[in-house]
PDB file of N, CA and C in Angstrom:
ATOM      1  N   MET A   1     -69.233 -12.155 -76.036  1.00  0.00           N
ATOM      2  CA  MET A   1     -68.266 -11.569 -74.893  1.00  0.00           C
ATOM      3  C   MET A   1     -66.939 -11.798 -75.009  1.00  0.00           C
ATOM      4  N   ASP A   2     -66.556 -12.618 -75.597  1.00  0.00           N
ATOM      5  CA  ASP A   2     -64.929 -12.811 -75.607  1.00  0.00           C
ATOM      6  C   ASP A   2     -64.116 -11.774 -76.360  1.00  0.00           C
ATOM      7  N   VAL A   3     -65.254 -10.831 -77.434  1.00  0.00           N
ATOM      8  CA  VAL A   3     -65.061  -9.589 -78.033  1.00  0.00           C
ATOM      9  C   VAL A   3     -64.547  -8.129 -77.279  1.00  0.00           C
ATOM     10  N   LEU A   4     -65.017  -8.716 -76.191  1.00  0.00           N
ATOM     11  CA  LEU A   4     -64.361  -7.369 -75.126  1.00  0.00           C
ATOM     12  C   LEU A   4     -62.880  -7.582 -74.803  1.00  0.00           C
ATOM     13  N   TYR A   5     -62.559  -8.721 -74.637  1.00  0.00           N
ATOM     14  CA  TYR A   5     -61.375  -8.856 -74.334  1.00  0.00           C
ATOM     15  C   TYR A   5     -60.109  -8.386 -75.415  1.00  0.00           C
ATOM     16  N   LEU A   6     -61.001  -8.144 -76.619  1.00  0.00           N
ATOM     17  CA  LEU A   6     -60.032  -7.061 -77.841  1.00  0.00           C
ATOM     18  C   LEU A   6     -60.362  -5.530 -78.100  1.00  0.00           C
ATOM     19  N   LEU A   7     -60.943  -5.714 -78.014  1.00  0.00           N
ATOM     20  CA  LEU A   7     -62.277  -3.924 -78.130  1.00  0.00           C
ATOM     21  C   LEU A   7     -61.759  -3.680 -77.218  1.00  0.00           C
ATOM     22  N   ILE A   8     -61.835  -3.374 -75.985  1.00  0.00           N
ATOM     23  CA  ILE A   8     -61.624  -2.950 -74.713  1.00  0.00           C
ATOM     24  C   ILE A   8     -59.829  -2.551 -74.759  1.00  0.00           C
ATOM     25  N   PRO A   9     -58.712  -3.269 -74.703  1.00  0.00           N
ATOM     26  CA  PRO A   9     -57.415  -3.066 -75.364  1.00  0.00           C
ATOM     27  C   PRO A   9     -57.328  -1.987 -76.538  1.00  0.00           C
ATOM     28  N   LEU A  10     -58.279  -2.773 -77.387  1.00  0.00           N
ATOM     29  CA  LEU A  10     -58.078  -1.849 -78.797  1.00  0.00           C
ATOM     30  C   LEU A  10     -58.337  -0.128 -78.416  1.00  0.00           C
ATOM     31  N   SER A  11     -59.384  -0.106 -78.017  1.00  0.00           N
ATOM     32  CA  SER A  11     -60.125   1.526 -77.540  1.00  0.00           C
ATOM     33  C   SER A  11     -59.065   2.088 -76.532  1.00  0.00           C
ATOM     34  N   ALA A  12     -58.928   1.421 -75.820  1.00  0.00           N
ATOM     35  CA  ALA A  12     -57.467   2.365 -74.953  1.00  0.00           C
ATOM     36  C   ALA A  12     -56.383   2.593 -75.652  1.00  0.00           C
ATOM     37  N   VAL A  13     -55.597   1.876 -76.417  1.00  0.00           N
ATOM     38  CA  VAL A  13     -54.743   2.110 -77.583  1.00  0.00           C
ATOM     39  C   VAL A  13     -54.856   3.524 -78.153  1.00  0.00           C
ATOM     40  N   LEU A  14     -56.425   3.412 -78.724  1.00  0.00           N
ATOM     41  CA  LEU A  14     -56.597   4.537 -79.959  1.00  0.00           C
ATOM     42  C   LEU A  14     -57.063   5.659 -79.082  1.00  0.00           C
ATOM     43  N   VAL A  15     -57.467   5.850 -77.928  1.00  0.00           N
ATOM     44  CA  VAL A  15     -57.424   6.763 -76.852  1.00  0.00           C
ATOM     45  C   VAL A  15     -56.118   7.179 -76.668  1.00  0.00           C
ATOM     46  N   LEU A  16     -55.235   6.557 -76.509  1.00  0.00           N
ATOM     47  CA  LEU A  16     -53.987   6.924 -76.144  1.00  0.00           C
ATOM     48  C   LEU A  16     -53.361   7.788 -77.302  1.00  0.00           C
ATOM     49  N   ALA A  17     -53.272   7.078 -78.454  1.00  0.00           N
ATOM     50  CA  ALA A  17     -53.261   7.412 -79.594  1.00  0.00           C
ATOM     51  C   ALA A  17     -53.504   8.688 -80.138  1.00  0.00           C
ATOM     52  N   ILE A  18     -54.938   9.428 -79.424  1.00  0.00           N
ATOM     53  CA  ILE A  18     -55.077  10.509 -80.211  1.00  0.00           C
ATOM     54  C   ILE A  18     -54.588  11.503 -79.390  1.00  0.00           C
ATOM     55  N   LEU A  19     -54.423  10.826 -77.693  1.00  0.00           N
ATOM     56  CA  LEU A  19     -54.117  12.052 -76.743  1.00  0.00           C
ATOM     57  C   LEU A  19     -52.368  12.635 -77.069  1.00  0.00           C
ATOM     58  N   GLY A  20     -51.683  11.557 -78.085  1.00  0.00           N
ATOM     59  CA  GLY A  20     -50.453  11.113 -78.142  1.00  0.00           C
ATOM     60  C   GLY A  20     -50.294  12.495 -79.306  1.00  0.00           C
ATOM     61  N   VAL A  21     -51.260  12.279 -80.282  1.00  0.00           N
ATOM     62  CA  VAL A  21     -51.217  13.019 -81.588  1.00  0.00           C
ATOM     63  C   VAL A  21     -51.639  14.621 -80.931  1.00  0.00           C
ATOM     64  N   PHE A  22     -52.345  14.939 -80.162  1.00  0.00           N
ATOM     65  CA  PHE A  22     -53.061  16.080 -79.644  1.00  0.00           C
ATOM     66  C   PHE A  22     -51.633  17.081 -78.730  1.00  0.00           C
ATOM     67  N   ALA A  23     -51.376  16.049 -78.092  1.00  0.00           N
ATOM     68  CA  ALA A  23     -49.743  16.379 -77.280  1.00  0.00           C
ATOM     69  C   ALA A  23     -49.182  17.005 -78.388  1.00  0.00           C
ATOM     70  N   TRP A  24     -48.783  16.343 -79.531  1.00  0.00           N
ATOM     71  CA  TRP A  24     -47.573  16.520 -80.397  1.00  0.00           C
ATOM     72  C   TRP A  24     -48.108  17.523 -80.960  1.00  0.00           C
ATOM     73  N   ALA A  25     -49.348  17.848 -81.395  1.00  0.00           N
ATOM     74  CA  ALA A  25     -49.742  19.139 -82.087  1.00  0.00           C
ATOM     75  C   ALA A  25     -49.911  20.204 -80.981  1.00  0.00           C
ATOM     76  N   LEU A  26     -49.941  20.023 -79.615  1.00  0.00           N
ATOM     77  CA  LEU A  26     -50.074  21.386 -78.945  1.00  0.00           C
ATOM     78  C   LEU A  26     -48.418  21.483 -78.416  1.00  0.00           C
ATOM     79  N   HIS A  27     -47.946  20.650 -78.424  1.00  0.00           N
ATOM     80  CA  HIS A  27     -46.411  20.842 -78.663  1.00  0.00           C
ATOM     81  C   HIS A  27     -45.875  21.458 -79.617  1.00  0.00           C
ATOM     82  N   GLY A  28     -45.766  21.406 -80.347  1.00  0.00           N
ATOM     83  CA  GLY A  28     -45.534  22.072 -81.732  1.00  0.00           C
ATOM     84  C   GLY A  28     -45.797  23.805 -82.355  1.00  0.00           C
ATOM     85  N   GLY A  29     -46.814  24.126 -81.400  1.00  0.00           N
ATOM     86  CA  GLY A  29     -47.660  25.415 -81.629  1.00  0.00           C
ATOM     87  C   GLY A  29     -48.547  25.472 -82.958  1.00  0.00           C
ATOM     88  N   GLN A  30     -49.236  24.343 -83.109  1.00  0.00           N
ATOM     89  CA  GLN A  30     -50.683  24.504 -83.555  1.00  0.00           C
ATOM     90  C   GLN A  30     -51.489  25.150 -83.195  1.00  0.00           C
ATOM     91  N   PHE A  31     -52.037  25.469 -81.699  1.00  0.00           N
ATOM     92  CA  PHE A  31     -53.155  26.283 -81.797  1.00  0.00           C
ATOM     93  C   PHE A  31     -52.494  27.711 -80.869  1.00  0.00           C
ATOM     94  N   ASP A  32     -51.206  28.027 -81.051  1.00  0.00           N
ATOM     95  CA  ASP A  32     -50.541  28.996 -80.258  1.00  0.00           C
ATOM     96  C   ASP A  32     -51.253  30.402 -81.541  1.00  0.00           C
ATOM     97  N   ASP A  33     -51.702  31.342 -80.623  1.00  0.00           N
ATOM     98  CA  ASP A  33     -51.991  32.997 -81.694  1.00  0.00           C
ATOM     99  C   ASP A  33     -52.648  32.990 -82.779  1.00  0.00           C
ATOM    100  N   LEU A  34     -54.119  32.049 -82.445  1.00  0.00           N
ATOM    101  CA  LEU A  34     -55.137  31.994 -83.506  1.00  0.00           C
ATOM    102  C   LEU A  34     -55.596  33.499 -84.315  1.00  0.00           C
ATOM    103  N   GLU A  35     -55.884  34.076 -83.373  1.00  0.00           N
ATOM    104  CA  GLU A  35     -56.411  35.405 -83.535  1.00  0.00           C
ATOM    105  C   GLU A  35     -55.447  35.910 -84.594  1.00  0.00           C
ATOM    106  N   GLN A  36     -54.232  35.692 -84.882  1.00  0.00           N
ATOM    107  CA  GLN A  36     -53.403  36.153 -85.961  1.00  0.00           C
ATOM    108  C   GLN A  36     -53.425  35.374 -87.237  1.00  0.00           C
ATOM    109  N   GLN A  37     -53.810  34.342 -87.171  1.00  0.00           N
ATOM    110  CA  GLN A  37     -53.867  34.057 -88.550  1.00  0.00           C
ATOM    111  C   GLN A  37     -55.258  34.210 -89.247  1.00  0.00           C
ATOM    112  N   GLY A  38     -56.197  34.110 -88.318  1.00  0.00           N
ATOM    113  CA  GLY A  38     -57.472  34.536 -88.408  1.00  0.00           C
ATOM    114  C   GLY A  38     -57.410  36.291 -89.135  1.00  0.00           C
ATOM    115  N   ALA A  39     -56.409  36.919 -89.028  1.00  0.00           N
ATOM    116  CA  ALA A  39     -56.591  38.186 -89.174  1.00  0.00           C
ATOM    117  C   ALA A  39     -55.897  38.256 -90.341  1.00  0.00           C
ATOM    118  N   LEU A  40     -54.519  37.398 -90.577  1.00  0.00           N
ATOM    119  CA  LEU A  40     -53.830  37.386 -92.174  1.00  0.00           C
ATOM    120  C   LEU A  40     -54.895  37.353 -92.988  1.00  0.00           C
ATOM    121  N   ILE A  41     -55.540  36.642 -92.687  1.00  0.00           N
ATOM    122  CA  ILE A  41     -56.568  35.920 -94.006  1.00  0.00           C
ATOM    123  C   ILE A  41     -57.681  36.899 -94.292  1.00  0.00           C
ATOM    124  N   LEU A  42     -58.269  37.553 -93.208  1.00  0.00           N
ATOM    125  CA  LEU A  42     -58.780  38.800 -93.794  1.00  0.00           C
ATOM    126  C   LEU A  42     -57.599  39.964 -94.552  1.00  0.00           C
ATOM    127  N   GLU A  43     -56.632  39.922 -94.255  1.00  0.00           N
ATOM    128  CA  GLU A  43     -55.960  40.838 -94.645  1.00  0.00           C
ATOM    129  C   GLU A  43     -55.705  41.065 -95.817  1.00  0.00           C
ATOM    130  N   GLY A  44     -55.600  39.697 -96.543  1.00  0.00           N
ATOM    131  CA  GLY A  44     -54.663  39.212 -97.440  1.00  0.00           C
ATOM    132  C   GLY A  44     -53.130  39.605 -97.483  1.00  0.00           C
ATOM    133  N   ALA A  45     -52.513  38.343 -97.842  1.00  0.00           N
ATOM    134  CA  ALA A  45     -50.769  38.588 -98.338  1.00  0.00           C
ATOM    135  C   ALA A  45     -50.646  39.278 -98.996  1.00  0.00           C
ATOM    136  N   GLN A  46     -49.520  40.015 -98.786  1.00  0.00           N
ATOM    137  CA  GLN A  46     -48.359  41.326 -99.716  1.00  0.00           C
ATOM    138  C   GLN A  46     -47.505  40.208 -99.956  1.00  0.00           C
ATOM    139  N   GLU A  47     -47.091  39.771 -99.606  1.00  0.00           N
ATOM    140  CA  GLU A  47     -46.516  38.471-100.031  1.00  0.00           C
ATOM    141  C   GLU A  47     -47.046  37.366-100.300  1.00  0.00           C
ATOM    142  N   PRO A  48     -45.890  36.640-101.633  1.00  0.00           N
ATOM    143  CA  PRO A  48     -45.988  35.011-101.594  1.00  0.00           C
ATOM    144  C   PRO A  48     -46.034  34.180-100.887  1.00  0.00           C
ATOM    145  N   LEU A  49     -46.726  33.244-100.840  1.00  0.00           N
ATOM    146  CA  LEU A  49     -46.421  32.374 -99.190  1.00  0.00           C
ATOM    147  C   LEU A  49     -44.905  31.346 -99.820  1.00  0.00           C
ATOM    148  N   ASP A  50     -44.798  31.131-101.261  1.00  0.00           N
ATOM    149  CA  ASP A  50     -43.191  30.155-101.498  1.00  0.00           C
ATOM    150  C   ASP A  50     -42.916  30.722-103.023  1.00  0.00           C
ATOM    151  N   GLY A  51     -42.061  30.020-103.156  1.00  0.00           N
ATOM    152  CA  GLY A  51     -41.107  30.865-104.360  1.00  0.00           C
ATOM    153  C   GLY A  51     -41.666  30.250-105.774  1.00  0.00           C
ATOM    154  N   HIS A  52     -42.725  29.171-105.708  1.00  0.00           N
ATOM    155  CA  HIS A  52     -43.816  28.876-106.393  1.00  0.00           C
ATOM    156  C   HIS A  52     -44.515  29.867-106.862  1.00  0.00           C
ATOM    157  N   GLN A  53     -45.337  30.712-105.372  1.00  0.00           N
ATOM    158  CA  GLN A  53     -46.219  31.187-106.105  1.00  0.00           C
ATOM    159  C   GLN A  53     -45.785  32.496-106.087  1.00  0.00           C
ATOM    160  N   ALA A  54     -44.412  33.080-105.849  1.00  0.00           N
ATOM    161  CA  ALA A  54     -43.970  34.205-106.009  1.00  0.00           C
ATOM    162  C   ALA A  54     -43.450  34.384-107.461  1.00  0.00           C
ATOM    163  N   GLY A  55     -43.411  33.346-108.720  1.00  0.00           N
ATOM    164  CA  GLY A  55     -43.349  33.138-109.581  1.00  0.00           C
ATOM    165  C   GLY A  55     -45.136  33.494-110.687  1.00  0.00           C
ATOM    166  N   ALA A  56     -45.578  32.755-109.984  1.00  0.00           N
ATOM    167  CA  ALA A  56     -47.145  33.310-110.263  1.00  0.00           C
ATOM    168  C   ALA A  56     -47.602  34.630-110.373  1.00  0.00           C
ATOM    169  N   ALA A  57     -47.380  35.115-109.015  1.00  0.00           N
ATOM    170  CA  ALA A  57     -47.523  36.559-109.126  1.00  0.00           C
ATOM    171  C   ALA A  57     -46.911  37.738-110.072  1.00  0.00           C
ATOM    172  N   THR A  58     -45.030  36.982-110.029  1.00  0.00           N
ATOM    173  CA  THR A  58     -44.850  37.979-111.006  1.00  0.00           C
ATOM    174  C   THR A  58     -45.044  37.775-112.029  1.00  0.00           C
ATOM    175  N   SER A  59     -45.362  36.621-112.666  1.00  0.00           N
ATOM    176  CA  SER A  59     -45.932  36.716-114.211  1.00  0.00           C
ATOM    177  C   SER A  59     -47.745  37.129-114.093  1.00  0.00           C
ATOM    178  N   ALA A  60     -48.644  37.266-113.328  1.00  0.00           N
ATOM    179  CA  ALA A  60     -49.724  37.710-113.453  1.00  0.00           C
ATOM    180  C   ALA A  60     -49.878  39.422-113.016  1.00  0.00           C
ATOM    181  N   GLU A  61     -48.773  39.670-112.198  1.00  0.00           N
ATOM    182  CA  GLU A  61     -48.472  41.581-112.289  1.00  0.00           C
ATOM    183  C   GLU A  61     -48.083  41.379-113.609  1.00  0.00           C
ATOM    184  N   GLN A  62     -47.023  40.979-114.488  1.00  0.00           N
ATOM    185  CA  GLN A  62     -46.605  41.750-115.893  1.00  0.00           C
ATOM    186  C   GLN A  62     -47.861  41.396-116.931  1.00  0.00           C
ATOM    187  N   SER A  63     -48.471  40.518-116.592  1.00  0.00           N
ATOM    188  CA  SER A  63     -49.442  40.293-118.084  1.00  0.00           C
ATOM    189  C   SER A  63     -50.788  41.780-117.584  1.00  0.00           C
ATOM    190  N   HIS A  64     -50.408  41.694-116.222  1.00  0.00           N
ATOM    191  CA  HIS A  64     -51.496  43.104-115.676  1.00  0.00           C
ATOM    192  C   HIS A  64     -50.883  44.309-116.682  1.00  0.00           C
ATOM    193  N   ARG A  65     -50.103  44.251-115.912  1.00  0.00           N
ATOM    194  CA  ARG A  65     -49.087  45.725-116.843  1.00  0.00           C
ATOM    195  C   ARG A  65     -49.250  45.735-118.019  1.00  0.00           C
ATOM    196  N   ARG A  66     -48.818  44.736-118.733  1.00  0.00           N
ATOM    197  CA  ARG A  66     -48.727  44.390-120.207  1.00  0.00           C
ATOM    198  C   ARG A  66     -50.261  45.014-120.503  1.00  0.00           C
ATOM    199  N   GLU A  67     -51.248  44.257-120.472  1.00  0.00           N
ATOM    200  CA  GLU A  67     -52.629  45.273-120.972  1.00  0.00           C
ATOM    201  C   GLU A  67     -52.478  46.631-120.488  1.00  0.00           C
ATOM    202  N   ARG A  68     -52.274  46.985-118.988  1.00  0.00           N
ATOM    203  CA  ARG A  68     -52.633  48.671-119.030  1.00  0.00           C
ATOM    204  C   ARG A  68     -51.936  49.250-119.854  1.00  0.00           C
ATOM    205  N   THR A  69     -50.481  48.664-120.278  1.00  0.00           N
ATOM    206  CA  THR A  69     -49.673  49.882-121.144  1.00  0.00           C
ATOM    207  C   THR A  69     -50.566  49.601-122.896  1.00  0.00           C
ATOM    208  N   ALA A  70     -51.243  48.391-122.900  1.00  0.00           N
ATOM    209  CA  ALA A  70     -51.924  48.187-124.152  1.00  0.00           C
ATOM    210  C   ALA A  70     -53.168  48.908-124.678  1.00  0.00           C
ATOM    211  N   THR A  71     -53.404  49.399-123.006  1.00  0.00           N
ATOM    212  CA  THR A  71     -54.736  49.845-123.402  1.00  0.00           C
ATOM    213  C   THR A  71     -54.960  51.723-123.297  1.00  0.00           C
ATOM    214  N   THR A  72     -53.449  51.797-122.656  1.00  0.00           N
ATOM    215  CA  THR A  72     -53.319  53.546-122.524  1.00  0.00           C
ATOM    216  C   THR A  72     -52.656  53.931-123.803  1.00  0.00           C
ATOM    217  N   THR A  73     -51.798  53.069-124.876  1.00  0.00           N
ATOM    218  CA  THR A  73     -51.595  53.265-126.307  1.00  0.00           C
ATOM    219  C   THR A  73     -52.716  53.714-127.308  1.00  0.00           C
ATOM    220  N   GLU A  74     -53.653  52.831-126.802  1.00  0.00           N
ATOM    221  CA  GLU A  74     -54.441  52.501-127.952  1.00  0.00           C
ATOM    222  C   GLU A  74     -55.721  53.858-127.507  1.00  0.00           C
ATOM    223  N   ASP A  75     -56.104  54.660-126.690  1.00  0.00           N
ATOM    224  CA  ASP A  75     -56.419  55.431-126.190  1.00  0.00           C
ATOM    225  C   ASP A  75     -56.118  56.807-126.769  1.00  0.00           C
ATOM    226  N   PRO A  76     -56.788  57.554-127.677  1.00  0.00           N
ATOM    227  CA  PRO A  76     -56.148  59.191-128.344  1.00  0.00           C
ATOM    228  C   PRO A  76     -56.203  59.982-127.553  1.00  0.00           C
TER     229      PRO A  76
END
């Protein structure tokens, strides 16, 4: 029974912490415009998300171009 003196305040602190994290996410705009983000996934992004992915996309495009030019020069 004495453990309730510890568990009840801890559960109240946990609930307040969860509410605080939820309020922080809500204030930060985490839940704004969910439909647009879903549509972006279905459409596919044309531009890279960051600089590191831009280099990877560029090198992939260059290798694809090299393959196309190699196949077109081989055909009679």
